[in-house]
Amino acid sequence: MTIRERVEQREKEYLSPYATLSMRSKGRDVPEAQCDIRPVFQRDRDRILHAKSFRRLKDKTQVFLTPEGDHYRTRLTHTLEVSQNARTIAKALRLNEDLTEAIALGHDLGHTPFGHAGERALDRCCAEGFRHNEQSVRVVEVLEKEGRGLNLTWEVRDGILNHQTRSMPATPEGKIVRLADKIAYIHHDIDDAIRAGVLREEDIPVQIRKTLGMTTTKRLNTLIHDVITNSGDSEDIRMSGEIFDAFVELRKFMFDHVYLNPVVKHEESKAEKLVENLYEYFLREFDRIPEEYRSLTEEQGAGRDRVVCDYVSSMSDRYAINTFNNIYLPKSWSL
């Protein structure tokens, strides 16, 4: 037996009957020879980690636009916290940790510069609309590796596509990531909001704090334990009624006091306008888009509108600002 085959056999013997086994994956769009060391979901995780789109997450907004402080979350640190939470739950439930991690690491690859502000701008501009979960799938299927994509397994792509509230993944591992994403962003956004001075711990309603915990750490611990305890030996990943209700109230509190807070969001209209201007510019000046994107109009049959959307959405915050400045701001004359 190869190392991979031994790992697959251990999965079969140890994991929950509800786990998604590597040997039973629905496979890839383009069939490949198996690795002699790594099962398919581990290979997918490694491909995502080495992808350019994953590296760009380090300079994409989570909540606070292009923050100058060293300790504010970016889209990359958010992704890592989602992965850590999801892996903890998956391991405790004896589900497939490699699949869980691959979905978690890939779930936000298609996010725009400036977070949801950039997403709203492109959704208005692009004739097909724009949703970052769908773009994340497009990144791994088409845009990475000069149009060849990463050729990930069906299960990983399903989890990436369906990580948002309005959808439901097909695997219990995908369901874990869907919940771990919300647990992660609510809690690290509280931490960042307190750091930014727009929220105090005591502002959180006392009943929520009594139910979930009096600190961010304790609330995170409560939620993860509750998911593990109430999911048990099942393919249904869930919280208990009392904890879920408190979590919904905490999420509503965050929308009212942080996500829609004019102090936090006062620069977002500028970010949206910047993204719109970049989109309109590259739609007019299509030849200025890098060849690796322009070639998609011929090789993949994508229209110009879609290619411009692909290019602008791929930008980091800093690259988008620098590109905008180079296009629209005059340069000083020098001899």
Protein backbone atom coordinates (compact mmCIF):
# COMPACT_ATOMS: atom_id res chain seq x y z
CA MET A 1 0.00 0.00 0.00
CA THR A 2 1.12 3.56 -0.68
CA ILE A 3 1.18 6.15 2.10
CA ARG A 4 -2.00 7.66 0.64
CA GLU A 5 -3.77 4.33 0.67
CA ARG A 6 -2.81 3.78 4.30
CA VAL A 7 -4.13 7.23 5.22
CA GLU A 8 -7.37 6.51 3.37
CA GLN A 9 -7.70 3.20 5.21
CA ARG A 10 -7.23 4.95 8.56
CA GLU A 11 -9.96 7.41 7.60
CA LYS A 12 -12.30 4.53 6.85
CA GLU A 13 -11.56 2.88 10.18
CA TYR A 14 -11.56 5.94 12.43
CA LEU A 15 -13.81 8.67 11.02
CA SER A 16 -17.52 9.01 11.73
CA PRO A 17 -19.91 7.14 9.41
CA TYR A 18 -21.11 10.61 8.36
CA ALA A 19 -17.63 11.81 7.35
CA THR A 20 -16.74 12.40 3.72
CA LEU A 21 -14.01 9.88 2.98
CA SER A 22 -11.22 10.88 0.62
CA MET A 23 -11.50 7.56 -1.26
CA ARG A 24 -15.18 8.29 -1.99
CA SER A 25 -14.77 11.79 -3.40
CA LYS A 26 -16.84 12.55 -6.50
CA GLY A 27 -13.54 13.56 -8.06
CA ARG A 28 -12.27 16.37 -10.26
CA ASP A 29 -13.58 17.82 -13.51
CA VAL A 30 -10.31 16.80 -15.16
CA PRO A 31 -9.25 13.31 -13.97
CA GLU A 32 -5.75 13.10 -12.50
CA ALA A 33 -3.46 10.34 -11.32
CA GLN A 34 -3.56 9.94 -7.55
CA CYS A 35 -0.68 11.18 -5.40
CA ASP A 36 1.21 8.39 -3.65
CA ILE A 37 1.37 10.40 -0.38
CA ARG A 38 -1.61 12.74 -0.08
CA PRO A 39 -5.35 11.97 -0.34
CA VAL A 40 -7.38 14.20 -2.63
CA PHE A 41 -8.63 16.72 -0.05
CA GLN A 42 -5.14 17.23 1.34
CA ARG A 43 -3.91 17.97 -2.19
CA ASP A 44 -6.72 20.49 -2.59
CA ARG A 45 -5.75 22.23 0.65
CA ASP A 46 -2.13 22.45 -0.52
CA ARG A 47 -3.14 23.85 -3.91
CA ILE A 48 -5.17 26.60 -2.27
CA LEU A 49 -2.33 27.49 0.11
CA HIS A 50 0.04 27.93 -2.84
CA ALA A 51 -2.43 29.93 -4.95
CA LYS A 52 -1.79 33.59 -5.77
CA SER A 53 -5.36 34.47 -4.84
CA PHE A 54 -4.73 33.12 -1.33
CA ARG A 55 -1.66 35.31 -0.88
CA ARG A 56 -3.58 38.40 -1.99
CA LEU A 57 -6.01 37.97 0.91
CA LYS A 58 -3.37 39.45 3.22
CA ASP A 59 -4.12 42.93 1.81
CA LYS A 60 -7.90 42.74 1.45
CA THR A 61 -10.28 44.39 3.91
CA GLN A 62 -12.20 42.37 6.47
CA VAL A 63 -14.24 45.15 8.13
CA PHE A 64 -11.99 48.17 8.72
CA LEU A 65 -10.81 49.60 5.39
CA THR A 66 -7.04 49.34 4.77
CA PRO A 67 -6.27 49.56 8.52
CA GLU A 68 -2.87 50.93 9.52
CA GLY A 69 -2.70 49.13 12.86
CA ASP A 70 -0.77 45.85 12.94
CA HIS A 71 -3.46 43.86 14.74
CA TYR A 72 -6.63 44.45 12.75
CA ARG A 73 -7.90 41.44 10.83
CA THR A 74 -7.56 41.22 7.09
CA ARG A 75 -9.35 38.78 4.81
CA LEU A 76 -6.39 36.40 5.24
CA THR A 77 -6.37 36.38 9.04
CA HIS A 78 -10.16 35.95 8.96
CA THR A 79 -9.68 32.91 6.72
CA LEU A 80 -7.12 31.41 9.09
CA GLU A 81 -9.43 31.88 12.08
CA VAL A 82 -12.31 30.25 10.20
CA SER A 83 -10.00 27.34 9.38
CA GLN A 84 -8.90 26.94 13.00
CA ASN A 85 -12.47 26.97 14.34
CA ALA A 86 -13.69 24.59 11.64
CA ARG A 87 -10.84 22.12 12.15
CA THR A 88 -11.46 22.03 15.91
CA ILE A 89 -15.11 21.11 15.32
CA ALA A 90 -14.31 18.61 12.56
CA LYS A 91 -11.70 16.81 14.65
CA ALA A 92 -14.00 16.56 17.66
CA LEU A 93 -16.81 15.13 15.50
CA ARG A 94 -14.45 12.73 13.69
CA LEU A 95 -15.23 14.32 10.33
CA ASN A 96 -12.72 14.86 7.53
CA GLU A 97 -10.35 17.56 8.73
CA ASP A 98 -8.52 17.89 5.39
CA LEU A 99 -11.76 18.56 3.51
CA THR A 100 -12.88 21.02 6.19
CA GLU A 101 -9.60 22.91 6.04
CA ALA A 102 -9.56 23.06 2.24
CA ILE A 103 -13.07 24.55 2.14
CA ALA A 104 -12.22 27.04 4.90
CA LEU A 105 -9.02 28.23 3.24
CA GLY A 106 -10.75 28.65 -0.12
CA HIS A 107 -14.07 30.14 0.90
CA ASP A 108 -13.12 33.82 0.40
CA LEU A 109 -10.64 33.62 -2.50
CA GLY A 110 -13.01 35.60 -4.73
CA HIS A 111 -13.48 38.52 -2.39
CA THR A 112 -12.98 42.01 -3.77
CA PRO A 113 -10.74 44.83 -2.57
CA PHE A 114 -12.37 46.74 0.31
CA GLY A 115 -14.48 43.76 1.37
CA HIS A 116 -18.24 43.98 0.97
CA ALA A 117 -18.02 47.59 -0.25
CA GLY A 118 -16.13 46.38 -3.33
CA GLU A 119 -18.58 43.50 -3.71
CA ARG A 120 -21.55 45.88 -3.76
CA ALA A 121 -19.85 48.09 -6.35
CA LEU A 122 -19.12 45.21 -8.73
CA ASP A 123 -22.59 43.76 -8.23
CA ARG A 124 -23.99 47.05 -9.53
CA CYS A 125 -21.53 47.34 -12.40
CA CYS A 126 -21.35 43.82 -13.77
CA ALA A 127 -24.26 42.77 -16.01
CA GLU A 128 -24.15 39.26 -14.51
CA GLY A 129 -24.00 40.60 -10.96
CA PHE A 130 -21.26 39.73 -8.50
CA ARG A 131 -21.26 37.45 -5.47
CA HIS A 132 -17.98 36.65 -3.79
CA ASN A 133 -18.81 32.99 -3.12
CA GLU A 134 -19.47 32.40 -6.82
CA GLN A 135 -16.32 34.32 -7.69
CA SER A 136 -14.33 32.11 -5.29
CA VAL A 137 -15.44 29.08 -7.30
CA ARG A 138 -14.54 30.86 -10.54
CA VAL A 139 -11.08 31.59 -9.12
CA VAL A 140 -10.35 27.93 -8.40
CA GLU A 141 -12.00 26.62 -11.57
CA VAL A 142 -10.79 29.17 -14.12
CA LEU A 143 -8.63 32.07 -13.01
CA GLU A 144 -5.76 30.42 -11.17
CA LYS A 145 -2.78 29.02 -13.08
CA GLU A 146 -3.26 31.13 -16.21
CA GLY A 147 -6.79 29.98 -16.91
CA ARG A 148 -6.33 26.30 -16.05
CA GLY A 149 -7.70 26.58 -12.53
CA LEU A 150 -6.75 24.39 -9.58
CA ASN A 151 -8.93 21.42 -10.62
CA LEU A 152 -10.24 20.90 -7.09
CA THR A 153 -12.56 18.11 -6.04
CA TRP A 154 -16.33 18.49 -6.24
CA GLU A 155 -16.71 18.47 -2.45
CA VAL A 156 -14.33 21.39 -1.90
CA ARG A 157 -15.95 23.48 -4.62
CA ASP A 158 -19.41 22.72 -3.21
CA GLY A 159 -18.33 23.87 0.25
CA ILE A 160 -16.81 27.08 -1.12
CA LEU A 161 -19.92 27.90 -3.16
CA ASN A 162 -22.37 27.25 -0.35
CA HIS A 163 -20.64 28.77 2.67
CA GLN A 164 -23.11 31.66 2.95
CA THR A 165 -26.33 31.72 4.97
CA ARG A 166 -28.70 31.39 2.01
CA SER A 167 -27.12 28.10 0.87
CA MET A 168 -26.42 24.68 2.39
CA PRO A 169 -23.35 22.56 1.53
CA ALA A 170 -23.76 18.92 0.61
CA THR A 171 -21.19 17.62 3.11
CA PRO A 172 -21.09 17.90 6.92
CA GLU A 173 -17.57 19.35 6.53
CA GLY A 174 -18.97 22.14 4.36
CA LYS A 175 -21.69 22.76 6.95
CA ILE A 176 -19.01 23.15 9.61
CA VAL A 177 -17.24 25.84 7.57
CA ARG A 178 -20.53 27.62 6.91
CA LEU A 179 -21.08 27.95 10.67
CA ALA A 180 -17.42 28.48 11.61
CA ASP A 181 -17.26 31.45 9.20
CA LYS A 182 -20.02 33.26 11.11
CA ILE A 183 -18.60 32.35 14.51
CA ALA A 184 -15.17 33.64 13.47
CA TYR A 185 -16.19 36.97 11.96
CA ILE A 186 -18.60 37.94 14.72
CA HIS A 187 -15.96 37.39 17.39
CA HIS A 188 -12.88 38.81 15.71
CA ASP A 189 -14.92 41.80 14.53
CA ILE A 190 -15.93 42.48 18.15
CA ASP A 191 -12.24 42.39 19.07
CA ASP A 192 -11.31 44.77 16.23
CA ALA A 193 -14.21 47.11 17.02
CA ILE A 194 -13.09 47.36 20.65
CA ARG A 195 -9.52 48.00 19.46
CA ALA A 196 -10.82 50.76 17.16
CA GLY A 197 -12.73 52.43 19.99
CA VAL A 198 -16.16 52.09 18.34
CA LEU A 199 -17.40 49.45 20.78
CA ARG A 200 -16.90 48.51 24.43
CA GLU A 201 -17.35 45.06 25.90
CA GLU A 202 -20.03 46.41 28.24
CA ASP A 203 -22.03 47.71 25.23
CA ILE A 204 -22.97 44.14 24.37
CA PRO A 205 -26.39 43.40 25.94
CA VAL A 206 -25.95 41.74 29.30
CA GLN A 207 -28.34 38.86 28.54
CA ILE A 208 -26.25 37.86 25.52
CA ARG A 209 -23.12 37.99 27.65
CA LYS A 210 -24.70 35.91 30.41
CA THR A 211 -25.72 33.25 27.89
CA LEU A 212 -22.60 33.14 25.72
CA GLY A 213 -19.86 34.47 27.99
CA MET A 214 -18.59 37.70 29.45
CA THR A 215 -15.53 37.95 27.14
CA THR A 216 -14.82 37.29 23.47
CA THR A 217 -12.72 34.25 24.36
CA LYS A 218 -15.44 32.74 26.55
CA ARG A 219 -18.13 33.34 23.92
CA LEU A 220 -16.02 31.67 21.25
CA ASN A 221 -15.43 28.73 23.57
CA THR A 222 -19.15 28.45 24.36
CA LEU A 223 -20.20 28.40 20.71
CA ILE A 224 -17.65 25.85 19.56
CA HIS A 225 -18.42 23.53 22.47
CA ASP A 226 -22.14 23.92 21.82
CA VAL A 227 -21.79 23.01 18.13
CA ILE A 228 -19.77 19.92 19.00
CA THR A 229 -22.13 18.81 21.78
CA ASN A 230 -25.33 19.31 19.78
CA SER A 231 -24.09 17.94 16.46
CA GLY A 232 -22.85 14.73 18.07
CA ASP A 233 -22.82 11.63 15.90
CA SER A 234 -24.81 13.17 13.07
CA GLU A 235 -24.43 14.81 9.66
CA ASP A 236 -26.43 17.80 10.91
CA ILE A 237 -24.15 20.57 12.23
CA ARG A 238 -26.11 22.75 14.64
CA MET A 239 -26.27 24.73 17.88
CA SER A 240 -28.73 24.30 20.73
CA GLY A 241 -31.81 26.52 20.63
CA GLU A 242 -30.80 28.85 23.49
CA ILE A 243 -27.24 29.36 22.22
CA PHE A 244 -28.36 29.82 18.62
CA ASP A 245 -30.92 32.46 19.64
CA ALA A 246 -28.29 34.35 21.64
CA PHE A 247 -25.86 34.12 18.72
CA VAL A 248 -28.49 35.55 16.34
CA GLU A 249 -29.02 38.44 18.75
CA LEU A 250 -25.26 39.04 18.95
CA ARG A 251 -25.02 39.09 15.16
CA LYS A 252 -27.91 41.59 14.99
CA PHE A 253 -26.17 43.73 17.60
CA MET A 254 -23.00 43.75 15.48
CA PHE A 255 -24.90 44.87 12.39
CA ASP A 256 -26.58 47.68 14.30
CA HIS A 257 -23.44 48.90 16.10
CA VAL A 258 -20.48 48.00 13.86
CA TYR A 259 -21.28 46.76 10.34
CA LEU A 260 -23.72 49.63 9.69
CA ASN A 261 -22.02 52.12 12.01
CA PRO A 262 -21.40 55.39 10.10
CA VAL A 263 -18.13 55.90 11.98
CA VAL A 264 -16.83 52.57 10.69
CA LYS A 265 -18.38 52.87 7.23
CA HIS A 266 -17.83 56.53 6.40
CA GLU A 267 -15.06 55.74 3.87
CA GLU A 268 -16.93 52.91 2.15
CA SER A 269 -18.72 55.17 -0.35
CA LYS A 270 -15.28 56.32 -1.55
CA ALA A 271 -14.13 52.71 -1.85
CA GLU A 272 -17.23 51.80 -3.86
CA LYS A 273 -16.71 54.75 -6.20
CA LEU A 274 -13.05 53.81 -6.65
CA VAL A 275 -14.00 50.25 -7.64
CA GLU A 276 -16.70 51.52 -10.01
CA ASN A 277 -14.23 53.89 -11.68
CA LEU A 278 -11.69 51.10 -12.14
CA TYR A 279 -14.35 48.88 -13.66
CA GLU A 280 -15.50 51.57 -16.09
CA TYR A 281 -11.92 52.47 -17.02
CA PHE A 282 -10.83 48.93 -17.85
CA LEU A 283 -14.05 48.31 -19.75
CA ARG A 284 -13.05 51.24 -22.00
CA GLU A 285 -9.31 50.46 -21.99
CA PHE A 286 -9.58 46.69 -22.22
CA ASP A 287 -6.09 46.26 -23.68
CA ARG A 288 -4.58 47.57 -20.45
CA ILE A 289 -5.75 44.49 -18.57
CA PRO A 290 -2.98 41.88 -18.18
CA GLU A 291 -2.88 39.21 -20.87
CA GLU A 292 -3.62 36.39 -18.43
CA TYR A 293 -7.09 37.90 -17.94
CA ARG A 294 -7.70 39.15 -21.49
CA SER A 295 -6.98 35.70 -22.91
CA LEU A 296 -10.08 34.42 -21.11
CA THR A 297 -12.30 36.17 -23.67
CA GLU A 298 -10.99 33.79 -26.33
CA GLU A 299 -10.03 30.66 -24.41
CA GLN A 300 -13.00 30.48 -22.04
CA GLY A 301 -15.57 32.46 -24.00
CA ALA A 302 -15.97 35.11 -21.30
CA GLY A 303 -17.27 38.52 -22.33
CA ARG A 304 -15.32 41.70 -21.66
CA ASP A 305 -17.66 42.62 -18.83
CA ARG A 306 -16.85 39.36 -17.04
CA VAL A 307 -13.10 39.67 -17.61
CA VAL A 308 -13.02 43.23 -16.24
CA CYS A 309 -14.94 42.00 -13.20
CA ASP A 310 -12.42 39.17 -12.75
CA TYR A 311 -9.49 41.56 -12.91
CA VAL A 312 -10.84 44.29 -10.62
CA SER A 313 -12.11 41.79 -8.03
CA SER A 314 -8.67 40.17 -7.89
CA MET A 315 -6.99 43.39 -6.75
CA SER A 316 -5.81 43.90 -3.19
CA ASP A 317 -6.76 47.14 -1.44
CA ARG A 318 -3.32 48.63 -1.94
CA TYR A 319 -3.06 47.60 -5.59
CA ALA A 320 -6.52 49.03 -6.33
CA ILE A 321 -5.60 52.37 -4.72
CA ASN A 322 -2.26 52.54 -6.56
CA THR A 323 -3.90 51.65 -9.87
CA PHE A 324 -6.56 54.31 -9.38
CA ASN A 325 -3.92 56.92 -8.51
CA ASN A 326 -1.84 56.06 -11.58
CA ILE A 327 -4.88 56.40 -13.83
CA TYR A 328 -6.63 59.46 -12.42
CA LEU A 329 -4.12 61.53 -10.42
CA PRO A 330 -1.56 63.75 -12.19
CA LYS A 331 2.11 63.07 -11.60
CA SER A 332 4.62 65.74 -10.70
CA TRP A 333 6.88 66.88 -13.51
CA SER A 334 10.53 65.89 -13.05
CA LEU A 335 13.61 66.55 -15.17
